[in-house]
Amino acid sequence: MLQTLKKGDCVITTGHGKTKNWGNAVGIVSKRRGDKVFIQWEGTSFPIEDEMDIKEVRLYNGVEIN
C-alpha cells in the first residue's frame, strides 16, 4: 500500500534504504512525485530537498512509542 504523503507532512525515517543508519531523523515533505518524496530535514542548514523513496519515510505525528 502506497503512503499518502503530501506537501507539508511531517515525516520520520523508517530505517529502510539509505536511512538504515540515520536514527530518527524528522523532516517536512516539500513535494511528492509518484513514489518519490522530497524532504527538508529538521536541524540542517541545507536549503536543498533530499529525494527519498516513499519506503524510506513515514508520517510522523510527534509521538514515538518504542
PDB file of N, CA and C in Angstrom:
ATOM      1  N   MET A   1       0.845  -1.184   0.000  1.00  0.00           N
ATOM      2  CA  MET A   1       0.000   0.000   0.000  1.00  0.00           C
ATOM      3  C   MET A   1       0.893   1.250   0.000  1.00  0.00           C
ATOM      4  N   LEU A   2       0.641   2.140  -0.916  1.00  0.00           N
ATOM      5  CA  LEU A   2       1.420   3.363  -1.058  1.00  0.00           C
ATOM      6  C   LEU A   2       0.937   4.406  -0.048  1.00  0.00           C
ATOM      7  N   GLN A   3       1.888   5.013   0.650  1.00  0.00           N
ATOM      8  CA  GLN A   3       1.545   6.038   1.633  1.00  0.00           C
ATOM      9  C   GLN A   3       0.954   7.260   0.934  1.00  0.00           C
ATOM     10  N   THR A   4       0.137   7.994   1.661  1.00  0.00           N
ATOM     11  CA  THR A   4      -0.489   9.191   1.105  1.00  0.00           C
ATOM     12  C   THR A   4       0.171  10.445   1.659  1.00  0.00           C
ATOM     13  N   LEU A   5       1.492  10.520   1.538  1.00  0.00           N
ATOM     14  CA  LEU A   5       2.209  11.706   1.998  1.00  0.00           C
ATOM     15  C   LEU A   5       1.983  12.850   1.029  1.00  0.00           C
ATOM     16  N   LYS A   6       1.931  14.067   1.577  1.00  0.00           N
ATOM     17  CA  LYS A   6       1.735  15.251   0.738  1.00  0.00           C
ATOM     18  C   LYS A   6       2.587  16.401   1.262  1.00  0.00           C
ATOM     19  N   LYS A   7       2.693  17.443   0.494  1.00  0.00           N
ATOM     20  CA  LYS A   7       3.476  18.617   0.865  1.00  0.00           C
ATOM     21  C   LYS A   7       3.038  19.126   2.236  1.00  0.00           C
ATOM     22  N   GLY A   8       4.023  19.382   3.093  1.00  0.00           N
ATOM     23  CA  GLY A   8       3.743  19.898   4.429  1.00  0.00           C
ATOM     24  C   GLY A   8       3.668  18.841   5.507  1.00  0.00           C
ATOM     25  N   ASP A   9       3.567  17.554   5.123  1.00  0.00           N
ATOM     26  CA  ASP A   9       3.511  16.482   6.117  1.00  0.00           C
ATOM     27  C   ASP A   9       4.843  16.362   6.844  1.00  0.00           C
ATOM     28  N   CYS A  10       4.779  16.069   8.132  1.00  0.00           N
ATOM     29  CA  CYS A  10       5.967  15.808   8.937  1.00  0.00           C
ATOM     30  C   CYS A  10       6.245  14.304   8.844  1.00  0.00           C
ATOM     31  N   VAL A  11       7.488  13.940   8.543  1.00  0.00           N
ATOM     32  CA  VAL A  11       7.858  12.543   8.373  1.00  0.00           C
ATOM     33  C   VAL A  11       9.070  12.194   9.225  1.00  0.00           C
ATOM     34  N   ILE A  12       9.260  10.910   9.453  1.00  0.00           N
ATOM     35  CA  ILE A  12      10.414  10.379  10.173  1.00  0.00           C
ATOM     36  C   ILE A  12      10.960   9.212   9.364  1.00  0.00           C
ATOM     37  N   THR A  13      12.251   8.954   9.495  1.00  0.00           N
ATOM     38  CA  THR A  13      12.866   7.870   8.742  1.00  0.00           C
ATOM     39  C   THR A  13      12.356   6.514   9.224  1.00  0.00           C
ATOM     40  N   THR A  14      12.376   5.528   8.307  1.00  0.00           N
ATOM     41  CA  THR A  14      11.898   4.185   8.634  1.00  0.00           C
ATOM     42  C   THR A  14      13.027   3.196   8.881  1.00  0.00           C
ATOM     43  N   GLY A  15      14.245   3.526   8.456  1.00  0.00           N
ATOM     44  CA  GLY A  15      15.356   2.588   8.581  1.00  0.00           C
ATOM     45  C   GLY A  15      15.530   1.721   7.349  1.00  0.00           C
ATOM     46  N   HIS A  16      14.763   1.980   6.294  1.00  0.00           N
ATOM     47  CA  HIS A  16      14.904   1.269   5.031  1.00  0.00           C
ATOM     48  C   HIS A  16      15.801   2.075   4.096  1.00  0.00           C
ATOM     49  N   GLY A  17      16.452   1.400   3.162  1.00  0.00           N
ATOM     50  CA  GLY A  17      17.263   2.086   2.157  1.00  0.00           C
ATOM     51  C   GLY A  17      18.388   2.889   2.778  1.00  0.00           C
ATOM     52  N   LYS A  18      18.563   4.113   2.266  1.00  0.00           N
ATOM     53  CA  LYS A  18      19.683   4.927   2.747  1.00  0.00           C
ATOM     54  C   LYS A  18      19.470   5.462   4.159  1.00  0.00           C
ATOM     55  N   THR A  19      18.273   5.297   4.725  1.00  0.00           N
ATOM     56  CA  THR A  19      18.022   5.770   6.092  1.00  0.00           C
ATOM     57  C   THR A  19      18.356   4.704   7.139  1.00  0.00           C
ATOM     58  N   LYS A  20      18.933   3.599   6.708  1.00  0.00           N
ATOM     59  CA  LYS A  20      19.224   2.464   7.599  1.00  0.00           C
ATOM     60  C   LYS A  20      19.954   2.885   8.877  1.00  0.00           C
ATOM     61  N   ASN A  21      20.932   3.774   8.762  1.00  0.00           N
ATOM     62  CA  ASN A  21      21.730   4.174   9.919  1.00  0.00           C
ATOM     63  C   ASN A  21      21.490   5.617  10.349  1.00  0.00           C
ATOM     64  N   TRP A  22      20.367   6.192   9.984  1.00  0.00           N
ATOM     65  CA  TRP A  22      20.100   7.600  10.267  1.00  0.00           C
ATOM     66  C   TRP A  22      19.479   7.848  11.637  1.00  0.00           C
ATOM     67  N   GLY A  23      19.026   6.847  12.316  1.00  0.00           N
ATOM     68  CA  GLY A  23      18.301   7.082  13.563  1.00  0.00           C
ATOM     69  C   GLY A  23      16.908   7.597  13.254  1.00  0.00           C
ATOM     70  N   ASN A  24      16.391   8.469  14.088  1.00  0.00           N
ATOM     71  CA  ASN A  24      15.038   9.013  13.901  1.00  0.00           C
ATOM     72  C   ASN A  24      15.101  10.441  13.388  1.00  0.00           C
ATOM     73  N   ALA A  25      15.517  10.609  12.134  1.00  0.00           N
ATOM     74  CA  ALA A  25      15.572  11.945  11.531  1.00  0.00           C
ATOM     75  C   ALA A  25      14.154  12.379  11.159  1.00  0.00           C
ATOM     76  N   VAL A  26      13.827  13.619  11.470  1.00  0.00           N
ATOM     77  CA  VAL A  26      12.500  14.173  11.207  1.00  0.00           C
ATOM     78  C   VAL A  26      12.623  15.281  10.162  1.00  0.00           C
ATOM     79  N   GLY A  27      11.669  15.327   9.242  1.00  0.00           N
ATOM     80  CA  GLY A  27      11.683  16.359   8.214  1.00  0.00           C
ATOM     81  C   GLY A  27      10.286  16.683   7.725  1.00  0.00           C
ATOM     82  N   ILE A  28      10.224  17.617   6.783  1.00  0.00           N
ATOM     83  CA  ILE A  28       8.954  18.068   6.209  1.00  0.00           C
ATOM     84  C   ILE A  28       8.963  17.764   4.714  1.00  0.00           C
ATOM     85  N   VAL A  29       7.868  17.216   4.221  1.00  0.00           N
ATOM     86  CA  VAL A  29       7.733  16.941   2.787  1.00  0.00           C
ATOM     87  C   VAL A  29       7.588  18.263   2.048  1.00  0.00           C
ATOM     88  N   SER A  30       8.474  18.503   1.075  1.00  0.00           N
ATOM     89  CA  SER A  30       8.381  19.732   0.289  1.00  0.00           C
ATOM     90  C   SER A  30       7.669  19.499  -1.041  1.00  0.00           C
ATOM     91  N   LYS A  31       7.704  18.260  -1.551  1.00  0.00           N
ATOM     92  CA  LYS A  31       6.910  17.894  -2.717  1.00  0.00           C
ATOM     93  C   LYS A  31       6.901  16.386  -2.875  1.00  0.00           C
ATOM     94  N   ARG A  32       6.003  15.905  -3.701  1.00  0.00           N
ATOM     95  CA  ARG A  32       5.838  14.471  -3.943  1.00  0.00           C
ATOM     96  C   ARG A  32       5.702  14.244  -5.434  1.00  0.00           C
ATOM     97  N   ARG A  33       6.430  13.246  -5.929  1.00  0.00           N
ATOM     98  CA  ARG A  33       6.335  12.848  -7.342  1.00  0.00           C
ATOM     99  C   ARG A  33       6.304  11.334  -7.413  1.00  0.00           C
ATOM    100  N   GLY A  34       5.128  10.764  -7.588  1.00  0.00           N
ATOM    101  CA  GLY A  34       4.989   9.313  -7.655  1.00  0.00           C
ATOM    102  C   GLY A  34       5.430   8.660  -6.362  1.00  0.00           C
ATOM    103  N   ASP A  35       6.405   7.726  -6.466  1.00  0.00           N
ATOM    104  CA  ASP A  35       6.891   7.036  -5.272  1.00  0.00           C
ATOM    105  C   ASP A  35       8.124   7.713  -4.680  1.00  0.00           C
ATOM    106  N   LYS A  36       8.369   8.960  -5.064  1.00  0.00           N
ATOM    107  CA  LYS A  36       9.469   9.757  -4.517  1.00  0.00           C
ATOM    108  C   LYS A  36       8.900  10.937  -3.747  1.00  0.00           C
ATOM    109  N   VAL A  37       9.533  11.218  -2.610  1.00  0.00           N
ATOM    110  CA  VAL A  37       9.182  12.399  -1.829  1.00  0.00           C
ATOM    111  C   VAL A  37      10.445  13.225  -1.649  1.00  0.00           C
ATOM    112  N   PHE A  38      10.290  14.511  -1.541  1.00  0.00           N
ATOM    113  CA  PHE A  38      11.412  15.415  -1.355  1.00  0.00           C
ATOM    114  C   PHE A  38      11.277  16.014   0.039  1.00  0.00           C
ATOM    115  N   ILE A  39      12.339  15.849   0.850  1.00  0.00           N
ATOM    116  CA  ILE A  39      12.282  16.181   2.260  1.00  0.00           C
ATOM    117  C   ILE A  39      13.276  17.285   2.599  1.00  0.00           C
ATOM    118  N   GLN A  40      12.844  18.233   3.437  1.00  0.00           N
ATOM    119  CA  GLN A  40      13.739  19.204   4.059  1.00  0.00           C
ATOM    120  C   GLN A  40      13.881  18.737   5.504  1.00  0.00           C
ATOM    121  N   TRP A  41      15.081  18.265   5.867  1.00  0.00           N
ATOM    122  CA  TRP A  41      15.309  17.699   7.194  1.00  0.00           C
ATOM    123  C   TRP A  41      15.447  18.782   8.249  1.00  0.00           C
ATOM    124  N   GLU A  42      14.874  18.557   9.419  1.00  0.00           N
ATOM    125  CA  GLU A  42      14.998  19.477  10.551  1.00  0.00           C
ATOM    126  C   GLU A  42      16.420  19.423  11.083  1.00  0.00           C
ATOM    127  N   GLY A  43      16.899  20.538  11.568  1.00  0.00           N
ATOM    128  CA  GLY A  43      18.217  20.590  12.169  1.00  0.00           C
ATOM    129  C   GLY A  43      19.358  20.669  11.170  1.00  0.00           C
ATOM    130  N   THR A  44      19.031  20.911   9.901  1.00  0.00           N
ATOM    131  CA  THR A  44      20.069  21.067   8.887  1.00  0.00           C
ATOM    132  C   THR A  44      19.978  22.462   8.304  1.00  0.00           C
ATOM    133  N   SER A  45      21.092  22.930   7.782  1.00  0.00           N
ATOM    134  CA  SER A  45      21.095  24.260   7.165  1.00  0.00           C
ATOM    135  C   SER A  45      21.063  24.169   5.648  1.00  0.00           C
ATOM    136  N   PHE A  46      20.834  22.967   5.120  1.00  0.00           N
ATOM    137  CA  PHE A  46      20.820  22.780   3.682  1.00  0.00           C
ATOM    138  C   PHE A  46      19.476  23.213   3.102  1.00  0.00           C
ATOM    139  N   PRO A  47      19.478  24.154   2.169  1.00  0.00           N
ATOM    140  CA  PRO A  47      18.223  24.623   1.588  1.00  0.00           C
ATOM    141  C   PRO A  47      17.685  23.683   0.510  1.00  0.00           C
ATOM    142  N   ILE A  48      18.468  22.681   0.114  1.00  0.00           N
ATOM    143  CA  ILE A  48      18.028  21.773  -0.940  1.00  0.00           C
ATOM    144  C   ILE A  48      17.182  20.650  -0.359  1.00  0.00           C
ATOM    145  N   GLU A  49      16.371  20.063  -1.202  1.00  0.00           N
ATOM    146  CA  GLU A  49      15.496  18.969  -0.794  1.00  0.00           C
ATOM    147  C   GLU A  49      16.217  17.652  -1.025  1.00  0.00           C
ATOM    148  N   ASP A  50      16.005  16.700  -0.149  1.00  0.00           N
ATOM    149  CA  ASP A  50      16.591  15.374  -0.248  1.00  0.00           C
ATOM    150  C   ASP A  50      15.557  14.451  -0.873  1.00  0.00           C
ATOM    151  N   GLU A  51      15.882  13.882  -2.040  1.00  0.00           N
ATOM    152  CA  GLU A  51      14.955  12.970  -2.712  1.00  0.00           C
ATOM    153  C   GLU A  51      15.013  11.609  -2.037  1.00  0.00           C
ATOM    154  N   MET A  52      13.865  11.133  -1.601  1.00  0.00           N
ATOM    155  CA  MET A  52      13.771   9.870  -0.880  1.00  0.00           C
ATOM    156  C   MET A  52      12.745   8.969  -1.549  1.00  0.00           C
ATOM    157  N   ASP A  53      12.954   7.674  -1.433  1.00  0.00           N
ATOM    158  CA  ASP A  53      11.947   6.701  -1.841  1.00  0.00           C
ATOM    159  C   ASP A  53      10.852   6.723  -0.776  1.00  0.00           C
ATOM    160  N   ILE A  54       9.621   6.529  -1.173  1.00  0.00           N
ATOM    161  CA  ILE A  54       8.484   6.585  -0.255  1.00  0.00           C
ATOM    162  C   ILE A  54       8.623   5.591   0.903  1.00  0.00           C
ATOM    163  N   LYS A  55       9.367   4.493   0.702  1.00  0.00           N
ATOM    164  CA  LYS A  55       9.551   3.478   1.740  1.00  0.00           C
ATOM    165  C   LYS A  55      10.555   3.915   2.814  1.00  0.00           C
ATOM    166  N   GLU A  56      11.314   4.985   2.557  1.00  0.00           N
ATOM    167  CA  GLU A  56      12.347   5.423   3.490  1.00  0.00           C
ATOM    168  C   GLU A  56      11.832   6.364   4.576  1.00  0.00           C
ATOM    169  N   VAL A  57      10.592   6.825   4.434  1.00  0.00           N
ATOM    170  CA  VAL A  57       9.992   7.721   5.425  1.00  0.00           C
ATOM    171  C   VAL A  57       8.550   7.317   5.693  1.00  0.00           C
ATOM    172  N   ARG A  58       8.061   7.762   6.850  1.00  0.00           N
ATOM    173  CA  ARG A  58       6.652   7.536   7.178  1.00  0.00           C
ATOM    174  C   ARG A  58       6.117   8.757   7.896  1.00  0.00           C
ATOM    175  N   LEU A  59       4.813   8.904   7.883  1.00  0.00           N
ATOM    176  CA  LEU A  59       4.148  10.016   8.549  1.00  0.00           C
ATOM    177  C   LEU A  59       4.527  10.022  10.018  1.00  0.00           C
ATOM    178  N   TYR A  60       4.775  11.194  10.564  1.00  0.00           N
ATOM    179  CA  TYR A  60       5.195  11.350  11.963  1.00  0.00           C
ATOM    180  C   TYR A  60       4.276  12.320  12.658  1.00  0.00           C
ATOM    181  N   ASN A  61       3.706  11.886  13.775  1.00  0.00           N
ATOM    182  CA  ASN A  61       2.759  12.744  14.497  1.00  0.00           C
ATOM    183  C   ASN A  61       3.365  13.363  15.746  1.00  0.00           C
ATOM    184  N   GLY A  62       4.681  13.184  15.952  1.00  0.00           N
ATOM    185  CA  GLY A  62       5.335  13.787  17.107  1.00  0.00           C
ATOM    186  C   GLY A  62       5.398  12.907  18.329  1.00  0.00           C
ATOM    187  N   VAL A  63       4.734  11.755  18.310  1.00  0.00           N
ATOM    188  CA  VAL A  63       4.754  10.835  19.434  1.00  0.00           C
ATOM    189  C   VAL A  63       5.410   9.537  18.982  1.00  0.00           C
ATOM    190  N   GLU A  64       6.490   9.171  19.637  1.00  0.00           N
ATOM    191  CA  GLU A  64       7.223   7.976  19.282  1.00  0.00           C
ATOM    192  C   GLU A  64       7.094   6.966  20.422  1.00  0.00           C
ATOM    193  N   ILE A  65       6.591   5.785  20.156  1.00  0.00           N
ATOM    194  CA  ILE A  65       6.434   4.732  21.168  1.00  0.00           C
ATOM    195  C   ILE A  65       7.384   3.609  20.794  1.00  0.00           C
ATOM    196  N   ASN A  66       8.286   3.267  21.705  1.00  0.00           N
ATOM    197  CA  ASN A  66       9.254   2.183  21.444  1.00  0.00           C
ATOM    198  C   ASN A  66       8.852   0.910  22.129  1.00  0.00           C
TER     199      ASN A  66
END
